[in-house]
Amino acid sequence: MPKPLSDLVREANAELNEPGQHLVVGAPEGETPRFELYHANFSICSQKVRAMITEKNIPFTAHQLNLPVSEDHPSDSYRPGYIRLRLRGAPDVQMVSGYTGQSSVADEGFDPCVVPTLVDHQQQRVVVDNVRICNYLDREADLGPRLVPDQLADAIAAQVSLVDAAPHPAVLYGASPKGEDIRPEIVAIPITGSLTHAIRHLENFKAAHADQPDLVAAYDAKIARQSSARDFTYDKEQMVDAYNRMTQHVADLENQLNTHDGEWVMGDAYTLADIMWSASLFRLKWLGLGQIWENSNDKQRVTDYVERAFMRPSFRRAVIDWPMATPPSQHIEPTAPWAQNLFPAWQKMRESMGD
């Protein structure tokens, strides 16, 4: 008999025992929200879901997973309780087996060791993958505006697919092979060591749970992906292709915006497509790839769109102003209208450390 969902949630939450890892957002004091979200501050997929939840004013309990891996510390997403909970939302799926530079489940398969993961206590369901979670929340949560209205559903899905297929992991963890590495200092370092530590931690978890086939399969899938990632980011041909695809990615948005005179991706209405594109463009701006539209004479619609999208109150709260969600970047001017509160948490952390 399957373990009750409440037990899975309790076990996953018990693994997250550092201060500040559990936060109730938007609910009256003493009220337990219907939804629990397992996320990471900097994760672009988590940012998309937080922006959706915030736009619709959905109360939720946020469980912050610490994802960075070091020699002594594994990612929280490798812990068995979290993986068991996540697997409940993906029965009989094709596990990830390699690395494409993307994070799309449709193209890579299911990764059992990443965020976000949503728990709906009312429906007793676990939902995984940022696209599925956002669509689920839009259908199930009777709050806020519909962000996937029926008459635009197919067109929105097409735009969401474009963003989902963009090679964000590749350009985050791999430098452009065309010139100097312009990424922020926090990621402009070789990832070989990090991936080596990750694989070692995963193998240790696998050995510790060798009698549990579901967990062994999950760890094997993640080990395969991380092993492939080590090679991908040092493959010049694949990295050239990833950066070229990002240039085309921005061109795709320019083309879409040129099909109408409205302010948003689909026209006058703010939709799920805008949430996805906003997260994508903000990450590119942070990485220094804002030059794709800023240094181009034929990307004026994208340039104008960026200023509106980053000023959206829900996007600011869920992404730009969310504590510790955006490390400092030399490519973002803190005095920009939408960036007034961008780095205060990082500044406070540095001050507390005497830096």
Protein backbone atom coordinates (compact mmCIF):
# COMPACT_ATOMS: atom_id res chain seq x y z
CA MET A 1 0.00 0.00 0.00
CA PRO A 2 1.41 3.44 -0.93
CA LYS A 3 2.58 5.57 1.96
CA PRO A 4 0.12 8.38 2.84
CA LEU A 5 1.00 11.71 1.26
CA SER A 6 1.08 13.37 4.68
CA ASP A 7 3.87 10.98 5.72
CA LEU A 8 5.88 11.71 2.58
CA VAL A 9 5.55 15.44 3.18
CA ARG A 10 6.55 15.12 6.82
CA GLU A 11 9.65 13.10 5.92
CA ALA A 12 10.69 15.51 3.17
CA ASN A 13 10.24 18.51 5.45
CA ALA A 14 12.24 16.89 8.25
CA GLU A 15 15.28 16.84 5.96
CA LEU A 16 15.16 20.63 5.64
CA ASN A 17 16.22 21.70 9.10
CA GLU A 18 18.18 24.90 8.57
CA PRO A 19 16.73 28.25 9.70
CA GLY A 20 14.53 29.93 7.12
CA GLN A 21 13.87 26.87 4.99
CA HIS A 22 10.12 26.91 5.68
CA LEU A 23 7.99 30.00 5.06
CA VAL A 24 4.23 30.51 4.87
CA VAL A 25 3.40 33.11 2.22
CA GLY A 26 0.10 34.94 1.79
CA ALA A 27 -1.96 33.03 4.37
CA PRO A 28 -3.55 34.50 7.51
CA GLU A 29 -1.61 33.78 10.69
CA GLY A 30 -2.30 30.28 11.96
CA GLU A 31 -3.84 29.07 8.68
CA THR A 32 -2.27 26.13 6.83
CA PRO A 33 -2.20 26.73 3.07
CA ARG A 34 -3.56 24.17 0.64
CA PHE A 35 -0.33 24.15 -1.39
CA GLU A 36 3.26 23.42 -0.44
CA LEU A 37 6.03 24.33 -2.88
CA TYR A 38 9.52 22.84 -2.78
CA HIS A 39 11.73 25.32 -4.60
CA ALA A 40 15.10 27.04 -4.68
CA ASN A 41 15.63 30.79 -4.65
CA PHE A 42 17.85 30.99 -7.75
CA SER A 43 16.30 28.12 -9.74
CA ILE A 44 14.74 29.55 -12.91
CA CYS A 45 12.05 26.86 -12.91
CA SER A 46 11.20 27.75 -9.30
CA GLN A 47 11.08 31.43 -10.24
CA LYS A 48 8.47 30.71 -12.91
CA VAL A 49 6.24 28.89 -10.41
CA ARG A 50 6.67 31.55 -7.72
CA ALA A 51 5.71 34.22 -10.27
CA MET A 52 2.58 32.26 -11.21
CA ILE A 53 1.58 31.78 -7.56
CA THR A 54 2.21 35.45 -6.80
CA GLU A 55 0.30 36.73 -9.85
CA LYS A 56 -2.72 34.68 -8.76
CA ASN A 57 -2.33 35.57 -5.04
CA ILE A 58 -2.30 31.93 -3.97
CA PRO A 59 -1.26 31.30 -0.34
CA PHE A 60 1.43 28.62 -0.06
CA THR A 61 4.08 27.14 2.17
CA ALA A 62 7.51 27.60 0.61
CA HIS A 63 10.18 25.02 1.39
CA GLN A 64 13.59 26.33 0.33
CA LEU A 65 16.03 23.65 -0.87
CA ASN A 66 19.71 24.51 -0.83
CA LEU A 67 21.00 23.23 -4.15
CA PRO A 68 24.72 24.16 -4.30
CA VAL A 69 27.01 21.17 -3.91
CA SER A 70 30.37 21.19 -2.18
CA GLU A 71 32.80 18.52 -1.08
CA ASP A 72 31.09 18.28 2.31
CA HIS A 73 27.48 19.16 1.47
CA PRO A 74 25.14 17.49 -1.02
CA SER A 75 22.20 19.26 -2.61
CA ASP A 76 18.99 19.07 -0.59
CA SER A 77 17.37 17.75 -3.76
CA TYR A 78 19.41 14.53 -3.39
CA ARG A 79 17.88 13.64 -0.04
CA PRO A 80 15.75 10.48 -0.05
CA GLY A 81 12.64 11.94 1.56
CA TYR A 82 12.41 14.68 -1.06
CA ILE A 83 12.98 12.21 -3.91
CA ARG A 84 10.29 9.85 -2.60
CA LEU A 85 7.84 12.76 -2.51
CA ARG A 86 8.80 13.89 -6.01
CA LEU A 87 8.47 10.37 -7.42
CA ARG A 88 4.86 10.30 -6.17
CA GLY A 89 4.14 12.98 -8.81
CA ALA A 90 5.76 11.07 -11.66
CA PRO A 91 4.73 7.40 -11.73
CA ASP A 92 5.87 5.36 -14.73
CA VAL A 93 7.87 8.18 -16.33
CA GLN A 94 10.95 8.02 -18.52
CA MET A 95 13.88 9.01 -16.33
CA VAL A 96 16.52 11.42 -17.54
CA SER A 97 19.55 9.60 -18.95
CA GLY A 98 21.78 12.32 -20.39
CA TYR A 99 22.28 16.05 -20.74
CA THR A 100 21.08 18.32 -23.53
CA GLY A 101 21.80 21.70 -21.94
CA GLN A 102 18.06 22.12 -21.30
CA SER A 103 15.80 21.37 -18.34
CA SER A 104 12.71 20.45 -20.36
CA VAL A 105 11.10 17.22 -19.22
CA ALA A 106 9.71 16.79 -22.73
CA ASP A 107 13.22 16.70 -24.20
CA GLU A 108 15.38 15.31 -21.38
CA GLY A 109 13.09 13.07 -19.40
CA PHE A 110 12.18 13.28 -15.73
CA ASP A 111 14.90 14.37 -13.32
CA PRO A 112 14.04 13.05 -9.84
CA CYS A 113 16.55 15.30 -8.06
CA VAL A 114 15.53 18.85 -9.00
CA VAL A 115 12.96 21.51 -8.07
CA PRO A 116 10.19 22.59 -8.15
CA THR A 117 7.67 20.16 -6.68
CA LEU A 118 4.13 21.09 -5.65
CA VAL A 119 1.89 19.36 -3.11
CA ASP A 120 -1.87 19.98 -3.25
CA HIS A 121 -3.32 18.77 0.05
CA GLN A 122 -6.92 19.30 -1.01
CA GLN A 123 -6.60 17.01 -4.03
CA GLN A 124 -3.94 14.79 -2.41
CA ARG A 125 -1.68 15.23 -5.40
CA VAL A 126 2.00 15.84 -6.08
CA VAL A 127 2.72 17.81 -9.26
CA VAL A 128 6.18 18.06 -10.80
CA ASP A 129 7.75 20.09 -13.66
CA ASN A 130 7.35 23.86 -13.74
CA VAL A 131 5.10 23.85 -16.83
CA ARG A 132 2.72 21.26 -15.38
CA ILE A 133 2.68 23.02 -12.01
CA CYS A 134 1.80 26.40 -13.53
CA ASN A 135 -0.99 24.96 -15.67
CA TYR A 136 -2.27 22.96 -12.71
CA LEU A 137 -2.40 26.01 -10.45
CA ASP A 138 -4.18 28.02 -13.11
CA ARG A 139 -6.88 25.35 -13.40
CA GLU A 140 -7.22 24.26 -9.78
CA ALA A 141 -6.70 27.39 -7.70
CA ASP A 142 -9.84 29.48 -7.83
CA LEU A 143 -7.92 32.70 -7.17
CA GLY A 144 -6.69 35.54 -9.33
CA PRO A 145 -7.05 35.89 -13.09
CA ARG A 146 -6.92 32.96 -15.49
CA LEU A 147 -3.45 33.03 -17.01
CA VAL A 148 -4.25 30.34 -19.58
CA PRO A 149 -7.68 31.37 -20.89
CA ASP A 150 -9.31 28.68 -23.02
CA GLN A 151 -9.37 30.78 -26.19
CA LEU A 152 -5.57 31.30 -26.02
CA ALA A 153 -4.56 27.92 -24.60
CA ASP A 154 -2.89 26.52 -27.72
CA ALA A 155 -1.05 29.73 -28.56
CA ILE A 156 0.17 30.11 -24.98
CA ALA A 157 1.32 26.48 -24.92
CA ALA A 158 3.42 27.14 -28.04
CA GLN A 159 5.16 30.09 -26.36
CA VAL A 160 5.68 28.16 -23.15
CA SER A 161 7.30 25.35 -25.15
CA LEU A 162 9.73 27.82 -26.73
CA VAL A 163 10.88 28.97 -23.30
CA ASP A 164 10.96 25.46 -21.87
CA ALA A 165 13.25 24.30 -24.67
CA ALA A 166 15.74 27.16 -24.29
CA PRO A 167 19.19 25.90 -23.16
CA HIS A 168 19.31 27.82 -19.89
CA PRO A 169 21.39 25.28 -17.95
CA ALA A 170 23.98 25.24 -20.74
CA VAL A 171 24.56 29.01 -20.78
CA LEU A 172 24.49 29.19 -16.98
CA TYR A 173 27.12 26.52 -16.39
CA GLY A 174 29.10 26.82 -19.62
CA ALA A 175 30.97 29.88 -20.87
CA SER A 176 30.57 31.13 -24.41
CA PRO A 177 33.33 29.64 -26.58
CA LYS A 178 33.31 32.77 -28.78
CA GLY A 179 35.24 35.07 -26.43
CA GLU A 180 35.85 35.96 -22.78
CA ASP A 181 33.56 34.62 -20.10
CA ILE A 182 31.19 37.47 -19.23
CA ARG A 183 29.03 35.56 -16.76
CA PRO A 184 28.78 36.82 -13.15
CA GLU A 185 31.65 35.78 -10.96
CA ILE A 186 29.51 33.42 -8.91
CA VAL A 187 29.09 31.07 -11.91
CA ALA A 188 32.12 32.00 -14.02
CA ILE A 189 34.13 29.10 -12.63
CA PRO A 190 34.67 25.56 -13.94
CA ILE A 191 31.87 23.22 -12.86
CA THR A 192 33.91 20.02 -13.14
CA GLY A 193 34.69 19.97 -9.42
CA SER A 194 31.09 20.64 -8.44
CA LEU A 195 29.81 17.86 -10.66
CA THR A 196 32.44 15.47 -9.33
CA HIS A 197 31.29 16.21 -5.78
CA ALA A 198 27.67 15.79 -6.86
CA ILE A 199 28.28 12.38 -8.37
CA ARG A 200 30.13 11.21 -5.27
CA HIS A 201 27.27 12.33 -3.02
CA LEU A 202 24.73 10.63 -5.29
CA GLU A 203 26.71 7.39 -5.23
CA ASN A 204 26.84 7.54 -1.43
CA PHE A 205 23.07 8.03 -1.20
CA LYS A 206 22.56 5.18 -3.65
CA ALA A 207 24.73 2.84 -1.59
CA ALA A 208 22.92 3.81 1.60
CA HIS A 209 19.54 2.93 0.04
CA ALA A 210 20.57 -0.05 -2.07
CA ASP A 211 17.54 -2.01 -0.84
CA GLN A 212 15.06 0.53 -2.28
CA PRO A 213 14.76 0.10 -6.07
CA ASP A 214 12.90 3.37 -6.66
CA LEU A 215 15.62 5.39 -5.00
CA VAL A 216 18.39 3.44 -6.74
CA ALA A 217 16.79 4.16 -10.13
CA ALA A 218 16.48 7.84 -9.24
CA TYR A 219 20.11 8.11 -8.21
CA ASP A 220 21.27 6.21 -11.29
CA ALA A 221 19.35 8.64 -13.51
CA LYS A 222 20.86 11.69 -11.83
CA ILE A 223 24.37 10.22 -11.94
CA ALA A 224 23.97 9.66 -15.68
CA ARG A 225 22.82 13.25 -16.19
CA GLN A 226 25.59 14.80 -14.12
CA SER A 227 28.22 12.68 -15.84
CA SER A 228 27.01 13.86 -19.24
CA ALA A 229 26.94 17.48 -18.07
CA ARG A 230 30.66 17.40 -17.29
CA ASP A 231 31.42 16.69 -20.94
CA PHE A 232 28.77 18.99 -22.44
CA THR A 233 30.05 22.29 -21.04
CA TYR A 234 33.55 21.67 -22.42
CA ASP A 235 32.33 20.66 -25.87
CA LYS A 236 32.93 23.74 -28.04
CA GLU A 237 30.51 22.70 -30.77
CA GLN A 238 27.65 22.10 -28.35
CA MET A 239 28.28 25.34 -26.47
CA VAL A 240 28.39 27.35 -29.71
CA ASP A 241 25.05 25.81 -30.59
CA ALA A 242 23.60 26.64 -27.14
CA TYR A 243 24.56 30.31 -27.38
CA ASN A 244 23.31 30.51 -30.97
CA ARG A 245 20.01 29.03 -29.85
CA MET A 246 19.67 31.75 -27.22
CA THR A 247 20.07 34.39 -29.92
CA GLN A 248 17.31 32.70 -31.90
CA HIS A 249 15.29 32.42 -28.68
CA VAL A 250 15.16 36.21 -28.37
CA ALA A 251 14.39 36.53 -32.09
CA ASP A 252 11.41 34.21 -31.59
CA LEU A 253 9.98 36.61 -29.00
CA GLU A 254 10.56 39.62 -31.24
CA ASN A 255 8.69 37.86 -34.01
CA GLN A 256 5.78 37.06 -31.68
CA LEU A 257 5.55 40.62 -30.36
CA ASN A 258 5.51 41.92 -33.93
CA THR A 259 2.30 40.00 -34.65
CA HIS A 260 0.24 42.52 -32.65
CA ASP A 261 0.30 45.96 -31.02
CA GLY A 262 -0.35 44.83 -27.45
CA GLU A 263 2.04 45.12 -24.50
CA TRP A 264 2.27 41.43 -23.69
CA VAL A 265 3.28 38.27 -25.50
CA MET A 266 -0.25 37.35 -26.52
CA GLY A 267 -1.48 40.92 -26.96
CA ASP A 268 -3.31 42.95 -24.31
CA ALA A 269 -3.69 40.18 -21.70
CA TYR A 270 -0.93 39.16 -19.28
CA THR A 271 -0.71 35.35 -19.45
CA LEU A 272 1.43 32.38 -18.50
CA ALA A 273 3.48 33.09 -21.61
CA ASP A 274 4.61 36.37 -20.03
CA ILE A 275 5.62 34.67 -16.80
CA MET A 276 7.78 32.21 -18.71
CA TRP A 277 9.34 34.79 -21.03
CA SER A 278 10.00 37.21 -18.16
CA ALA A 279 11.94 34.58 -16.22
CA SER A 280 13.91 33.64 -19.32
CA LEU A 281 14.85 37.21 -20.24
CA PHE A 282 15.75 38.11 -16.66
CA ARG A 283 18.16 35.18 -16.47
CA LEU A 284 19.71 36.18 -19.81
CA LYS A 285 20.08 39.78 -18.60
CA TRP A 286 21.74 38.56 -15.39
CA LEU A 287 24.17 36.42 -17.39
CA GLY A 288 25.19 39.29 -19.66
CA LEU A 289 23.19 38.05 -22.63
CA GLY A 290 20.90 41.06 -22.54
CA GLN A 291 23.23 42.31 -25.26
CA ILE A 292 21.31 40.04 -27.65
CA TRP A 293 18.52 42.62 -27.70
CA GLU A 294 20.29 45.69 -26.29
CA ASN A 295 22.95 45.74 -29.01
CA SER A 296 20.55 44.95 -31.83
CA ASN A 297 18.66 47.34 -34.08
CA ASP A 298 15.93 44.81 -34.79
CA LYS A 299 14.94 43.86 -31.21
CA GLN A 300 13.11 47.04 -30.16
CA ARG A 301 9.92 45.22 -29.22
CA VAL A 302 11.87 42.91 -26.88
CA THR A 303 13.75 45.88 -25.40
CA ASP A 304 10.48 47.64 -24.58
CA TYR A 305 8.91 44.43 -23.35
CA VAL A 306 11.72 43.79 -20.87
CA GLU A 307 11.15 47.09 -19.08
CA ARG A 308 7.43 46.36 -18.65
CA ALA A 309 7.89 42.71 -17.71
CA PHE A 310 10.47 43.36 -15.00
CA MET A 311 8.25 46.05 -13.46
CA ARG A 312 5.29 43.68 -13.08
CA PRO A 313 4.58 43.65 -9.31
CA SER A 314 4.15 39.88 -9.11
CA PHE A 315 7.39 39.25 -11.00
CA ARG A 316 9.28 41.67 -8.81
CA ARG A 317 8.03 40.02 -5.62
CA ALA A 318 8.59 36.45 -6.79
CA VAL A 319 11.90 36.87 -8.58
CA ILE A 320 13.64 40.23 -8.38
CA ASP A 321 12.87 41.03 -4.73
CA TRP A 322 12.66 37.44 -3.45
CA PRO A 323 15.39 37.08 -0.79
CA MET A 324 18.65 35.66 -2.12
CA ALA A 325 17.08 34.83 -5.48
CA THR A 326 19.41 36.94 -7.60
CA PRO A 327 23.14 37.08 -6.82
CA PRO A 328 24.88 40.32 -7.81
CA SER A 329 25.74 40.66 -11.47
CA GLN A 330 27.85 43.26 -13.23
CA HIS A 331 25.24 43.25 -15.99
CA ILE A 332 22.44 44.65 -13.83
CA GLU A 333 22.54 48.26 -12.75
CA PRO A 334 21.01 48.46 -9.25
CA THR A 335 19.60 51.91 -10.01
CA ALA A 336 17.37 50.59 -12.81
CA PRO A 337 13.69 51.29 -11.99
CA TRP A 338 12.89 47.60 -11.65
CA ALA A 339 16.07 46.78 -9.70
CA GLN A 340 15.77 49.09 -6.70
CA ASN A 341 15.52 46.21 -4.21
CA LEU A 342 17.54 43.68 -6.15
CA PHE A 343 20.55 42.91 -3.96
CA PRO A 344 19.73 44.01 -0.36
CA ALA A 345 19.82 40.48 1.07
CA TRP A 346 23.26 39.86 -0.42
CA GLN A 347 24.52 43.20 0.89
CA LYS A 348 23.26 42.38 4.39
CA MET A 349 24.98 39.00 4.22
CA ARG A 350 28.29 40.64 3.23
CA GLU A 351 27.97 43.22 6.00
CA SER A 352 27.35 40.48 8.56
CA MET A 353 30.52 38.76 7.36
CA GLY A 354 32.52 41.98 7.61
CA ASP A 355 33.00 42.25 3.85
